[in-house]
PDB file of N, CA and C in Angstrom:
ATOM      1  N   MET A   1       0.846  -1.174   0.000  1.00  0.00           N
ATOM      2  CA  MET A   1       0.000   0.000   0.000  1.00  0.00           C
ATOM      3  C   MET A   1       0.891   1.236   0.000  1.00  0.00           C
ATOM      4  N   ASN A   2       0.480   2.244  -0.728  1.00  0.00           N
ATOM      5  CA  ASN A   2       1.247   3.478  -0.875  1.00  0.00           C
ATOM      6  C   ASN A   2       0.595   4.600  -0.074  1.00  0.00           C
ATOM      7  N   LEU A   3       1.430   5.501   0.435  1.00  0.00           N
ATOM      8  CA  LEU A   3       0.954   6.627   1.215  1.00  0.00           C
ATOM      9  C   LEU A   3       1.314   7.925   0.509  1.00  0.00           C
ATOM     10  N   LEU A   4       0.324   8.792   0.314  1.00  0.00           N
ATOM     11  CA  LEU A   4       0.530  10.101  -0.304  1.00  0.00           C
ATOM     12  C   LEU A   4       0.508  11.149   0.792  1.00  0.00           C
ATOM     13  N   ASP A   5       1.647  11.750   1.061  1.00  0.00           N
ATOM     14  CA  ASP A   5       1.800  12.762   2.107  1.00  0.00           C
ATOM     15  C   ASP A   5       1.362  14.108   1.552  1.00  0.00           C
ATOM     16  N   MET A   6       0.407  14.709   2.227  1.00  0.00           N
ATOM     17  CA  MET A   6      -0.108  15.981   1.746  1.00  0.00           C
ATOM     18  C   MET A   6       0.536  17.193   2.402  1.00  0.00           C
ATOM     19  N   ASN A   7       0.720  17.177   3.691  1.00  0.00           N
ATOM     20  CA  ASN A   7       1.195  18.402   4.338  1.00  0.00           C
ATOM     21  C   ASN A   7       1.928  18.127   5.642  1.00  0.00           C
ATOM     22  N   LEU A   8       2.572  16.996   5.715  1.00  0.00           N
ATOM     23  CA  LEU A   8       3.308  16.647   6.925  1.00  0.00           C
ATOM     24  C   LEU A   8       4.800  16.884   6.729  1.00  0.00           C
ATOM     25  N   SER A   9       5.523  16.852   7.806  1.00  0.00           N
ATOM     26  CA  SER A   9       6.972  17.063   7.780  1.00  0.00           C
ATOM     27  C   SER A   9       7.659  16.022   6.899  1.00  0.00           C
ATOM     28  N   PRO A  10       8.702  16.432   6.166  1.00  0.00           N
ATOM     29  CA  PRO A  10       9.487  15.471   5.392  1.00  0.00           C
ATOM     30  C   PRO A  10      10.141  14.396   6.265  1.00  0.00           C
ATOM     31  N   ALA A  11      10.206  14.607   7.570  1.00  0.00           N
ATOM     32  CA  ALA A  11      10.791  13.623   8.480  1.00  0.00           C
ATOM     33  C   ALA A  11       9.970  12.338   8.542  1.00  0.00           C
ATOM     34  N   TRP A  12       8.719  12.370   8.107  1.00  0.00           N
ATOM     35  CA  TRP A  12       7.891  11.166   8.103  1.00  0.00           C
ATOM     36  C   TRP A  12       8.367  10.154   7.067  1.00  0.00           C
ATOM     37  N   LYS A  13       8.862  10.624   5.923  1.00  0.00           N
ATOM     38  CA  LYS A  13       9.199   9.716   4.825  1.00  0.00           C
ATOM     39  C   LYS A  13      10.213   8.643   5.227  1.00  0.00           C
ATOM     40  N   PRO A  14      11.376   8.989   5.810  1.00  0.00           N
ATOM     41  CA  PRO A  14      12.325   7.925   6.165  1.00  0.00           C
ATOM     42  C   PRO A  14      11.777   6.963   7.218  1.00  0.00           C
ATOM     43  N   LEU A  15      10.982   7.462   8.139  1.00  0.00           N
ATOM     44  CA  LEU A  15      10.405   6.579   9.155  1.00  0.00           C
ATOM     45  C   LEU A  15       9.464   5.570   8.502  1.00  0.00           C
ATOM     46  N   LEU A  16       8.536   6.049   7.680  1.00  0.00           N
ATOM     47  CA  LEU A  16       7.563   5.158   7.042  1.00  0.00           C
ATOM     48  C   LEU A  16       8.235   4.201   6.067  1.00  0.00           C
ATOM     49  N   GLU A  17       9.132   4.718   5.239  1.00  0.00           N
ATOM     50  CA  GLU A  17       9.801   3.853   4.266  1.00  0.00           C
ATOM     51  C   GLU A  17      10.721   2.850   4.953  1.00  0.00           C
ATOM     52  N   GLY A  18      11.280   3.220   6.089  1.00  0.00           N
ATOM     53  CA  GLY A  18      12.103   2.297   6.853  1.00  0.00           C
ATOM     54  C   GLY A  18      11.314   1.128   7.420  1.00  0.00           C
ATOM     55  N   HIS A  19      10.001   1.268   7.449  1.00  0.00           N
ATOM     56  CA  HIS A  19       9.121   0.201   7.925  1.00  0.00           C
ATOM     57  C   HIS A  19       8.289  -0.391   6.786  1.00  0.00           C
ATOM     58  N   GLY A  20       8.748  -0.196   5.552  1.00  0.00           N
ATOM     59  CA  GLY A  20       8.129  -0.863   4.415  1.00  0.00           C
ATOM     60  C   GLY A  20       6.964  -0.162   3.746  1.00  0.00           C
ATOM     61  N   TRP A  21       6.706   1.067   4.094  1.00  0.00           N
ATOM     62  CA  TRP A  21       5.612   1.815   3.471  1.00  0.00           C
ATOM     63  C   TRP A  21       6.172   2.728   2.393  1.00  0.00           C
ATOM     64  N   HIS A  22       5.711   2.587   1.152  1.00  0.00           N
ATOM     65  CA  HIS A  22       6.133   3.486   0.083  1.00  0.00           C
ATOM     66  C   HIS A  22       5.397   4.809   0.262  1.00  0.00           C
ATOM     67  N   THR A  23       6.152   5.909   0.319  1.00  0.00           N
ATOM     68  CA  THR A  23       5.528   7.220   0.499  1.00  0.00           C
ATOM     69  C   THR A  23       5.978   8.166  -0.593  1.00  0.00           C
ATOM     70  N   GLN A  24       5.093   9.084  -0.896  1.00  0.00           N
ATOM     71  CA  GLN A  24       5.393  10.116  -1.874  1.00  0.00           C
ATOM     72  C   GLN A  24       4.690  11.382  -1.416  1.00  0.00           C
ATOM     73  N   HIS A  25       5.380  12.510  -1.495  1.00  0.00           N
ATOM     74  CA  HIS A  25       4.749  13.786  -1.179  1.00  0.00           C
ATOM     75  C   HIS A  25       4.060  14.294  -2.437  1.00  0.00           C
ATOM     76  N   TRP A  26       2.933  14.962  -2.264  1.00  0.00           N
ATOM     77  CA  TRP A  26       2.171  15.431  -3.421  1.00  0.00           C
ATOM     78  C   TRP A  26       3.019  16.295  -4.350  1.00  0.00           C
ATOM     79  N   CYS A  27       3.930  17.081  -3.817  1.00  0.00           N
ATOM     80  CA  CYS A  27       4.753  17.956  -4.665  1.00  0.00           C
ATOM     81  C   CYS A  27       5.609  17.146  -5.638  1.00  0.00           C
ATOM     82  N   GLU A  28       5.837  15.866  -5.358  1.00  0.00           N
ATOM     83  CA  GLU A  28       6.575  14.987  -6.263  1.00  0.00           C
ATOM     84  C   GLU A  28       5.661  14.387  -7.330  1.00  0.00           C
ATOM     85  N   ALA A  29       4.360  14.446  -7.110  1.00  0.00           N
ATOM     86  CA  ALA A  29       3.413  13.758  -7.979  1.00  0.00           C
ATOM     87  C   ALA A  29       2.578  14.687  -8.845  1.00  0.00           C
ATOM     88  N   GLY A  30       2.258  15.876  -8.330  1.00  0.00           N
ATOM     89  CA  GLY A  30       1.339  16.731  -9.070  1.00  0.00           C
ATOM     90  C   GLY A  30       1.569  18.203  -8.814  1.00  0.00           C
ATOM     91  N   ALA A  31       0.696  18.981  -9.400  1.00  0.00           N
ATOM     92  CA  ALA A  31       0.803  20.444  -9.343  1.00  0.00           C
ATOM     93  C   ALA A  31       0.465  20.976  -7.954  1.00  0.00           C
ATOM     94  N   ALA A  32       1.220  21.966  -7.522  1.00  0.00           N
ATOM     95  CA  ALA A  32       1.010  22.573  -6.209  1.00  0.00           C
ATOM     96  C   ALA A  32      -0.368  23.212  -6.094  1.00  0.00           C
ATOM     97  N   ASN A  33      -0.930  23.645  -7.205  1.00  0.00           N
ATOM     98  CA  ASN A  33      -2.230  24.311  -7.175  1.00  0.00           C
ATOM     99  C   ASN A  33      -3.389  23.361  -7.500  1.00  0.00           C
ATOM    100  N   ALA A  34      -3.158  22.065  -7.452  1.00  0.00           N
ATOM    101  CA  ALA A  34      -4.224  21.096  -7.729  1.00  0.00           C
ATOM    102  C   ALA A  34      -5.307  21.196  -6.657  1.00  0.00           C
ATOM    103  N   SER A  35      -6.535  20.990  -7.077  1.00  0.00           N
ATOM    104  CA  SER A  35      -7.638  21.014  -6.117  1.00  0.00           C
ATOM    105  C   SER A  35      -7.624  19.732  -5.290  1.00  0.00           C
ATOM    106  N   ASP A  36      -8.287  19.787  -4.148  1.00  0.00           N
ATOM    107  CA  ASP A  36      -8.388  18.593  -3.315  1.00  0.00           C
ATOM    108  C   ASP A  36      -9.054  17.450  -4.083  1.00  0.00           C
ATOM    109  N   ALA A  37     -10.057  17.772  -4.901  1.00  0.00           N
ATOM    110  CA  ALA A  37     -10.746  16.745  -5.692  1.00  0.00           C
ATOM    111  C   ALA A  37      -9.785  16.090  -6.690  1.00  0.00           C
ATOM    112  N   GLU A  38      -8.916  16.886  -7.312  1.00  0.00           N
ATOM    113  CA  GLU A  38      -7.925  16.330  -8.241  1.00  0.00           C
ATOM    114  C   GLU A  38      -6.945  15.407  -7.513  1.00  0.00           C
ATOM    115  N   ILE A  39      -6.520  15.820  -6.339  1.00  0.00           N
ATOM    116  CA  ILE A  39      -5.590  15.017  -5.548  1.00  0.00           C
ATOM    117  C   ILE A  39      -6.243  13.696  -5.156  1.00  0.00           C
ATOM    118  N   MET A  40      -7.484  13.760  -4.731  1.00  0.00           N
ATOM    119  CA  MET A  40      -8.206  12.542  -4.342  1.00  0.00           C
ATOM    120  C   MET A  40      -8.366  11.595  -5.529  1.00  0.00           C
ATOM    121  N   ALA A  41      -8.702  12.148  -6.698  1.00  0.00           N
ATOM    122  CA  ALA A  41      -8.866  11.307  -7.894  1.00  0.00           C
ATOM    123  C   ALA A  41      -7.540  10.640  -8.256  1.00  0.00           C
ATOM    124  N   TRP A  42      -6.446  11.404  -8.197  1.00  0.00           N
ATOM    125  CA  TRP A  42      -5.128  10.839  -8.508  1.00  0.00           C
ATOM    126  C   TRP A  42      -4.785   9.727  -7.519  1.00  0.00           C
ATOM    127  N   ALA A  43      -4.984   9.992  -6.220  1.00  0.00           N
ATOM    128  CA  ALA A  43      -4.650   9.005  -5.193  1.00  0.00           C
ATOM    129  C   ALA A  43      -5.436   7.712  -5.402  1.00  0.00           C
ATOM    130  N   LYS A  44      -6.700   7.830  -5.703  1.00  0.00           N
ATOM    131  CA  LYS A  44      -7.523   6.634  -5.919  1.00  0.00           C
ATOM    132  C   LYS A  44      -7.045   5.863  -7.150  1.00  0.00           C
ATOM    133  N   ALA A  45      -6.786   6.572  -8.236  1.00  0.00           N
ATOM    134  CA  ALA A  45      -6.353   5.919  -9.482  1.00  0.00           C
ATOM    135  C   ALA A  45      -4.989   5.247  -9.332  1.00  0.00           C
ATOM    136  N   GLN A  46      -4.119   5.822  -8.504  1.00  0.00           N
ATOM    137  CA  GLN A  46      -2.760   5.299  -8.349  1.00  0.00           C
ATOM    138  C   GLN A  46      -2.609   4.344  -7.164  1.00  0.00           C
ATOM    139  N   GLY A  47      -3.671   4.147  -6.399  1.00  0.00           N
ATOM    140  CA  GLY A  47      -3.614   3.226  -5.272  1.00  0.00           C
ATOM    141  C   GLY A  47      -2.929   3.772  -4.036  1.00  0.00           C
ATOM    142  N   TYR A  48      -3.097   5.051  -3.773  1.00  0.00           N
ATOM    143  CA  TYR A  48      -2.495   5.692  -2.609  1.00  0.00           C
ATOM    144  C   TYR A  48      -3.539   6.008  -1.552  1.00  0.00           C
ATOM    145  N   CYS A  49      -3.138   5.947  -0.291  1.00  0.00           N
ATOM    146  CA  CYS A  49      -3.907   6.495   0.825  1.00  0.00           C
ATOM    147  C   CYS A  49      -3.383   7.911   1.047  1.00  0.00           C
ATOM    148  N   VAL A  50      -4.270   8.843   1.295  1.00  0.00           N
ATOM    149  CA  VAL A  50      -3.874  10.224   1.550  1.00  0.00           C
ATOM    150  C   VAL A  50      -3.608  10.382   3.047  1.00  0.00           C
ATOM    151  N   VAL A  51      -2.401  10.829   3.389  1.00  0.00           N
ATOM    152  CA  VAL A  51      -2.021  11.075   4.776  1.00  0.00           C
ATOM    153  C   VAL A  51      -1.950  12.583   4.964  1.00  0.00           C
ATOM    154  N   THR A  52      -2.713  13.106   5.916  1.00  0.00           N
ATOM    155  CA  THR A  52      -2.852  14.547   6.034  1.00  0.00           C
ATOM    156  C   THR A  52      -3.259  14.946   7.443  1.00  0.00           C
ATOM    157  N   ASN A  53      -3.160  16.226   7.742  1.00  0.00           N
ATOM    158  CA  ASN A  53      -3.784  16.771   8.938  1.00  0.00           C
ATOM    159  C   ASN A  53      -4.900  17.738   8.558  1.00  0.00           C
ATOM    160  N   ASP A  54      -5.240  17.777   7.300  1.00  0.00           N
ATOM    161  CA  ASP A  54      -6.275  18.632   6.740  1.00  0.00           C
ATOM    162  C   ASP A  54      -7.621  17.908   6.787  1.00  0.00           C
ATOM    163  N   LEU A  55      -8.627  18.556   7.338  1.00  0.00           N
ATOM    164  CA  LEU A  55      -9.954  17.952   7.458  1.00  0.00           C
ATOM    165  C   LEU A  55     -10.693  17.849   6.130  1.00  0.00           C
ATOM    166  N   ASP A  56     -10.263  18.602   5.126  1.00  0.00           N
ATOM    167  CA  ASP A  56     -10.993  18.651   3.853  1.00  0.00           C
ATOM    168  C   ASP A  56     -11.093  17.295   3.159  1.00  0.00           C
ATOM    169  N   PHE A  57     -10.059  16.482   3.240  1.00  0.00           N
ATOM    170  CA  PHE A  57     -10.059  15.218   2.504  1.00  0.00           C
ATOM    171  C   PHE A  57     -11.099  14.242   3.064  1.00  0.00           C
ATOM    172  N   SER A  58     -11.217  14.174   4.367  1.00  0.00           N
ATOM    173  CA  SER A  58     -12.258  13.344   4.976  1.00  0.00           C
ATOM    174  C   SER A  58     -13.636  13.903   4.667  1.00  0.00           C
ATOM    175  N   ALA A  59     -13.763  15.218   4.659  1.00  0.00           N
ATOM    176  CA  ALA A  59     -15.047  15.849   4.352  1.00  0.00           C
ATOM    177  C   ALA A  59     -15.482  15.536   2.920  1.00  0.00           C
ATOM    178  N   ILE A  60     -14.537  15.502   1.997  1.00  0.00           N
ATOM    179  CA  ILE A  60     -14.869  15.158   0.603  1.00  0.00           C
ATOM    180  C   ILE A  60     -15.424  13.740   0.538  1.00  0.00           C
ATOM    181  N   LEU A  61     -14.783  12.813   1.233  1.00  0.00           N
ATOM    182  CA  LEU A  61     -15.275  11.433   1.233  1.00  0.00           C
ATOM    183  C   LEU A  61     -16.678  11.345   1.819  1.00  0.00           C
ATOM    184  N   ALA A  62     -16.914  12.052   2.895  1.00  0.00           N
ATOM    185  CA  ALA A  62     -18.236  12.019   3.521  1.00  0.00           C
ATOM    186  C   ALA A  62     -19.289  12.656   2.617  1.00  0.00           C
ATOM    187  N   ALA A  63     -18.966  13.792   2.021  1.00  0.00           N
ATOM    188  CA  ALA A  63     -19.932  14.506   1.185  1.00  0.00           C
ATOM    189  C   ALA A  63     -20.269  13.751  -0.095  1.00  0.00           C
ATOM    190  N   THR A  64     -19.292  13.061  -0.653  1.00  0.00           N
ATOM    191  CA  THR A  64     -19.511  12.374  -1.931  1.00  0.00           C
ATOM    192  C   THR A  64     -19.885  10.909  -1.759  1.00  0.00           C
ATOM    193  N   ARG A  65     -19.781  10.401  -0.530  1.00  0.00           N
ATOM    194  CA  ARG A  65     -20.030   8.982  -0.244  1.00  0.00           C
ATOM    195  C   ARG A  65     -19.150   8.079  -1.106  1.00  0.00           C
ATOM    196  N   ALA A  66     -17.946   8.556  -1.374  1.00  0.00           N
ATOM    197  CA  ALA A  66     -16.992   7.813  -2.204  1.00  0.00           C
ATOM    198  C   ALA A  66     -16.456   6.603  -1.444  1.00  0.00           C
ATOM    199  N   SER A  67     -15.989   5.626  -2.206  1.00  0.00           N
ATOM    200  CA  SER A  67     -15.427   4.415  -1.611  1.00  0.00           C
ATOM    201  C   SER A  67     -13.904   4.479  -1.503  1.00  0.00           C
ATOM    202  N   GLY A  68     -13.312   5.587  -1.890  1.00  0.00           N
ATOM    203  CA  GLY A  68     -11.872   5.735  -1.791  1.00  0.00           C
ATOM    204  C   GLY A  68     -11.429   7.026  -2.430  1.00  0.00           C
ATOM    205  N   PRO A  69     -10.191   7.369  -2.247  1.00  0.00           N
ATOM    206  CA  PRO A  69      -9.121   6.624  -1.587  1.00  0.00           C
ATOM    207  C   PRO A  69      -9.244   6.725  -0.072  1.00  0.00           C
ATOM    208  N   SER A  70      -8.541   5.865   0.617  1.00  0.00           N
ATOM    209  CA  SER A  70      -8.500   5.960   2.075  1.00  0.00           C
ATOM    210  C   SER A  70      -7.790   7.246   2.470  1.00  0.00           C
ATOM    211  N   VAL A  71      -8.206   7.786   3.605  1.00  0.00           N
ATOM    212  CA  VAL A  71      -7.585   8.982   4.162  1.00  0.00           C
ATOM    213  C   VAL A  71      -7.131   8.663   5.576  1.00  0.00           C
ATOM    214  N   ILE A  72      -5.891   9.007   5.862  1.00  0.00           N
ATOM    215  CA  ILE A  72      -5.333   8.878   7.202  1.00  0.00           C
ATOM    216  C   ILE A  72      -5.139  10.297   7.707  1.00  0.00           C
ATOM    217  N   GLN A  73      -5.953  10.664   8.674  1.00  0.00           N
ATOM    218  CA  GLN A  73      -5.934  12.022   9.190  1.00  0.00           C
ATOM    219  C   GLN A  73      -5.239  12.033  10.539  1.00  0.00           C
ATOM    220  N   ILE A  74      -4.102  12.736  10.608  1.00  0.00           N
ATOM    221  CA  ILE A  74      -3.328  12.827  11.844  1.00  0.00           C
ATOM    222  C   ILE A  74      -3.664  14.159  12.503  1.00  0.00           C
ATOM    223  N   ARG A  75      -4.062  14.083  13.772  1.00  0.00           N
ATOM    224  CA  ARG A  75      -4.501  15.281  14.483  1.00  0.00           C
ATOM    225  C   ARG A  75      -3.653  15.503  15.723  1.00  0.00           C
ATOM    226  N   GLY A  76      -3.519  16.775  16.086  1.00  0.00           N
ATOM    227  CA  GLY A  76      -2.803  17.115  17.309  1.00  0.00           C
ATOM    228  C   GLY A  76      -1.929  18.338  17.138  1.00  0.00           C
ATOM    229  N   GLN A  77      -1.341  18.769  18.225  1.00  0.00           N
ATOM    230  CA  GLN A  77      -0.456  19.919  18.206  1.00  0.00           C
ATOM    231  C   GLN A  77       0.913  19.560  17.656  1.00  0.00           C
ATOM    232  N   ASP A  78       1.448  18.439  18.091  1.00  0.00           N
ATOM    233  CA  ASP A  78       2.776  17.995  17.665  1.00  0.00           C
ATOM    234  C   ASP A  78       2.604  16.807  16.720  1.00  0.00           C
ATOM    235  N   LEU A  79       2.772  17.047  15.428  1.00  0.00           N
ATOM    236  CA  LEU A  79       2.567  16.015  14.409  1.00  0.00           C
ATOM    237  C   LEU A  79       3.875  15.365  13.985  1.00  0.00           C
ATOM    238  N   SER A  80       4.879  15.429  14.831  1.00  0.00           N
ATOM    239  CA  SER A  80       6.193  14.914  14.468  1.00  0.00           C
ATOM    240  C   SER A  80       6.244  13.395  14.589  1.00  0.00           C
ATOM    241  N   PRO A  81       7.127  12.772  13.808  1.00  0.00           N
ATOM    242  CA  PRO A  81       7.327  11.330  13.936  1.00  0.00           C
ATOM    243  C   PRO A  81       7.797  10.930  15.340  1.00  0.00           C
ATOM    244  N   ALA A  82       8.538  11.803  16.003  1.00  0.00           N
ATOM    245  CA  ALA A  82       9.001  11.489  17.357  1.00  0.00           C
ATOM    246  C   ALA A  82       7.828  11.321  18.317  1.00  0.00           C
ATOM    247  N   THR A  83       6.757  12.075  18.098  1.00  0.00           N
ATOM    248  CA  THR A  83       5.586  12.011  18.962  1.00  0.00           C
ATOM    249  C   THR A  83       4.601  10.932  18.526  1.00  0.00           C
ATOM    250  N   LEU A  84       4.341  10.831  17.225  1.00  0.00           N
ATOM    251  CA  LEU A  84       3.281   9.952  16.730  1.00  0.00           C
ATOM    252  C   LEU A  84       3.765   8.767  15.895  1.00  0.00           C
ATOM    253  N   GLY A  85       5.048   8.693  15.618  1.00  0.00           N
ATOM    254  CA  GLY A  85       5.560   7.678  14.705  1.00  0.00           C
ATOM    255  C   GLY A  85       5.258   6.249  15.108  1.00  0.00           C
ATOM    256  N   THR A  86       5.584   5.883  16.329  1.00  0.00           N
ATOM    257  CA  THR A  86       5.354   4.510  16.788  1.00  0.00           C
ATOM    258  C   THR A  86       3.872   4.169  16.749  1.00  0.00           C
ATOM    259  N   THR A  87       3.038   5.111  17.168  1.00  0.00           N
ATOM    260  CA  THR A  87       1.591   4.892  17.165  1.00  0.00           C
ATOM    261  C   THR A  87       1.076   4.719  15.743  1.00  0.00           C
ATOM    262  N   LEU A  88       1.497   5.581  14.836  1.00  0.00           N
ATOM    263  CA  LEU A  88       1.028   5.477  13.455  1.00  0.00           C
ATOM    264  C   LEU A  88       1.458   4.150  12.831  1.00  0.00           C
ATOM    265  N   LEU A  89       2.692   3.763  13.022  1.00  0.00           N
ATOM    266  CA  LEU A  89       3.163   2.501  12.445  1.00  0.00           C
ATOM    267  C   LEU A  89       2.351   1.319  12.961  1.00  0.00           C
ATOM    268  N   SER A  90       2.054   1.309  14.233  1.00  0.00           N
ATOM    269  CA  SER A  90       1.264   0.230  14.820  1.00  0.00           C
ATOM    270  C   SER A  90      -0.156   0.207  14.251  1.00  0.00           C
ATOM    271  N   VAL A  91      -0.762   1.376  14.164  1.00  0.00           N
ATOM    272  CA  VAL A  91      -2.134   1.466  13.642  1.00  0.00           C
ATOM    273  C   VAL A  91      -2.172   1.109  12.155  1.00  0.00           C
ATOM    274  N   LEU A  92      -1.180   1.552  11.387  1.00  0.00           N
ATOM    275  CA  LEU A  92      -1.137   1.212   9.963  1.00  0.00           C
ATOM    276  C   LEU A  92      -1.057  -0.299   9.760  1.00  0.00           C
ATOM    277  N   ASP A  93      -0.214  -0.955  10.532  1.00  0.00           N
ATOM    278  CA  ASP A  93      -0.091  -2.412  10.413  1.00  0.00           C
ATOM    279  C   ASP A  93      -1.410  -3.102  10.739  1.00  0.00           C
ATOM    280  N   ALA A  94      -2.069  -2.657  11.801  1.00  0.00           N
ATOM    281  CA  ALA A  94      -3.327  -3.277  12.222  1.00  0.00           C
ATOM    282  C   ALA A  94      -4.464  -2.993  11.241  1.00  0.00           C
ATOM    283  N   ALA A  95      -4.436  -1.836  10.594  1.00  0.00           N
ATOM    284  CA  ALA A  95      -5.550  -1.416   9.735  1.00  0.00           C
ATOM    285  C   ALA A  95      -5.282  -1.618   8.247  1.00  0.00           C
ATOM    286  N   ARG A  96      -4.182  -2.237   7.882  1.00  0.00           N
ATOM    287  CA  ARG A  96      -3.781  -2.357   6.476  1.00  0.00           C
ATOM    288  C   ARG A  96      -4.914  -2.876   5.579  1.00  0.00           C
ATOM    289  N   ALA A  97      -5.538  -3.976   5.934  1.00  0.00           N
ATOM    290  CA  ALA A  97      -6.577  -4.572   5.084  1.00  0.00           C
ATOM    291  C   ALA A  97      -7.767  -3.641   4.932  1.00  0.00           C
ATOM    292  N   THR A  98      -8.163  -2.993   6.002  1.00  0.00           N
ATOM    293  CA  THR A  98      -9.297  -2.066   5.955  1.00  0.00           C
ATOM    294  C   THR A  98      -8.956  -0.863   5.090  1.00  0.00           C
ATOM    295  N   LEU A  99      -7.749  -0.337   5.217  1.00  0.00           N
ATOM    296  CA  LEU A  99      -7.329   0.805   4.394  1.00  0.00           C
ATOM    297  C   LEU A  99      -7.275   0.426   2.919  1.00  0.00           C
ATOM    298  N   GLN A 100      -6.888  -0.789   2.610  1.00  0.00           N
ATOM    299  CA  GLN A 100      -6.851  -1.216   1.212  1.00  0.00           C
ATOM    300  C   GLN A 100      -8.253  -1.284   0.612  1.00  0.00           C
ATOM    301  N   ARG A 101      -9.263  -1.558   1.430  1.00  0.00           N
ATOM    302  CA  ARG A 101     -10.647  -1.610   0.944  1.00  0.00           C
ATOM    303  C   ARG A 101     -11.268  -0.222   0.867  1.00  0.00           C
ATOM    304  N   GLY A 102     -10.786   0.716   1.677  1.00  0.00           N
ATOM    305  CA  GLY A 102     -11.311   2.075   1.707  1.00  0.00           C
ATOM    306  C   GLY A 102     -11.799   2.444   3.092  1.00  0.00           C
ATOM    307  N   ALA A 103     -11.156   3.446   3.704  1.00  0.00           N
ATOM    308  CA  ALA A 103     -11.509   3.843   5.063  1.00  0.00           C
ATOM    309  C   ALA A 103     -10.977   5.236   5.370  1.00  0.00           C
ATOM    310  N   ILE A 104     -11.515   5.792   6.434  1.00  0.00           N
ATOM    311  CA  ILE A 104     -10.952   6.999   7.037  1.00  0.00           C
ATOM    312  C   ILE A 104     -10.387   6.579   8.381  1.00  0.00           C
ATOM    313  N   LEU A 105      -9.109   6.846   8.580  1.00  0.00           N
ATOM    314  CA  LEU A 105      -8.432   6.547   9.833  1.00  0.00           C
ATOM    315  C   LEU A 105      -8.057   7.879  10.467  1.00  0.00           C
ATOM    316  N   ILE A 106      -8.510   8.087  11.691  1.00  0.00           N
ATOM    317  CA  ILE A 106      -8.192   9.314  12.422  1.00  0.00           C
ATOM    318  C   ILE A 106      -7.306   8.923  13.594  1.00  0.00           C
ATOM    319  N   LEU A 107      -6.183   9.603  13.703  1.00  0.00           N
ATOM    320  CA  LEU A 107      -5.184   9.261  14.714  1.00  0.00           C
ATOM    321  C   LEU A 107      -4.741  10.505  15.457  1.00  0.00           C
ATOM    322  N   ASP A 108      -4.689  10.396  16.786  1.00  0.00           N
ATOM    323  CA  ASP A 108      -4.034  11.424  17.584  1.00  0.00           C
ATOM    324  C   ASP A 108      -3.191  10.726  18.647  1.00  0.00           C
ATOM    325  N   VAL A 109      -2.633  11.465  19.556  1.00  0.00           N
ATOM    326  CA  VAL A 109      -1.716  10.903  20.536  1.00  0.00           C
ATOM    327  C   VAL A 109      -2.388   9.831  21.394  1.00  0.00           C
ATOM    328  N   ARG A 110      -3.660  10.012  21.702  1.00  0.00           N
ATOM    329  CA  ARG A 110      -4.346   9.114  22.621  1.00  0.00           C
ATOM    330  C   ARG A 110      -5.160   8.009  21.963  1.00  0.00           C
ATOM    331  N   THR A 111      -5.716   8.261  20.806  1.00  0.00           N
ATOM    332  CA  THR A 111      -6.671   7.308  20.231  1.00  0.00           C
ATOM    333  C   THR A 111      -6.544   7.214  18.718  1.00  0.00           C
ATOM    334  N   SER A 112      -7.176   6.186  18.192  1.00  0.00           N
ATOM    335  CA  SER A 112      -7.348   6.084  16.747  1.00  0.00           C
ATOM    336  C   SER A 112      -8.737   5.518  16.500  1.00  0.00           C
ATOM    337  N   ARG A 113      -9.340   5.942  15.405  1.00  0.00           N
ATOM    338  CA  ARG A 113     -10.642   5.450  14.981  1.00  0.00           C
ATOM    339  C   ARG A 113     -10.574   5.172  13.499  1.00  0.00           C
ATOM    340  N   ILE A 114     -11.301   4.152  13.062  1.00  0.00           N
ATOM    341  CA  ILE A 114     -11.347   3.863  11.645  1.00  0.00           C
ATOM    342  C   ILE A 114     -12.801   3.609  11.247  1.00  0.00           C
ATOM    343  N   ARG A 115     -13.178   4.172  10.106  1.00  0.00           N
ATOM    344  CA  ARG A 115     -14.514   3.961   9.549  1.00  0.00           C
ATOM    345  C   ARG A 115     -14.357   3.523   8.121  1.00  0.00           C
ATOM    346  N   THR A 116     -15.038   2.462   7.757  1.00  0.00           N
ATOM    347  CA  THR A 116     -14.970   1.985   6.377  1.00  0.00           C
ATOM    348  C   THR A 116     -15.804   2.878   5.476  1.00  0.00           C
ATOM    349  N   LEU A 117     -15.399   2.914   4.221  1.00  0.00           N
ATOM    350  CA  LEU A 117     -16.097   3.730   3.221  1.00  0.00           C
ATOM    351  C   LEU A 117     -17.059   2.851   2.419  1.00  0.00           C
ATOM    352  N   PRO A 118     -18.106   3.444   1.873  1.00  0.00           N
ATOM    353  CA  PRO A 118     -18.500   4.845   1.993  1.00  0.00           C
ATOM    354  C   PRO A 118     -19.159   5.138   3.337  1.00  0.00           C
ATOM    355  N   ILE A 119     -19.155   6.418   3.683  1.00  0.00           N
ATOM    356  CA  ILE A 119     -19.776   6.864   4.932  1.00  0.00           C
ATOM    357  C   ILE A 119     -21.192   7.301   4.622  1.00  0.00           C
TER     358      ILE A 119
END
């Protein structure tokens, strides 16, 4: 499964790739001025989960009742790998099959929730 990083620190890439997750930042894949809808369409077509702290991507899935792509929404004040890395890696491993089918995963320091798509 591939992860499309939308707006997180570049420090996430070596951590995720070091644990077997292929990651790509949107700036490597598409235009900086692309709409959220364009990004979502690209991610779905290319088999990527969108990893973000932006609420818009989950809202698009809810509003359109789409079945994908999966969105991993990281929330909190400190979004660094040092704070959330171990938790995210554990949750990604546990939720891999669900994310491949289509889901929204919300993660913060204390909890994680996952909802299958469509909502």
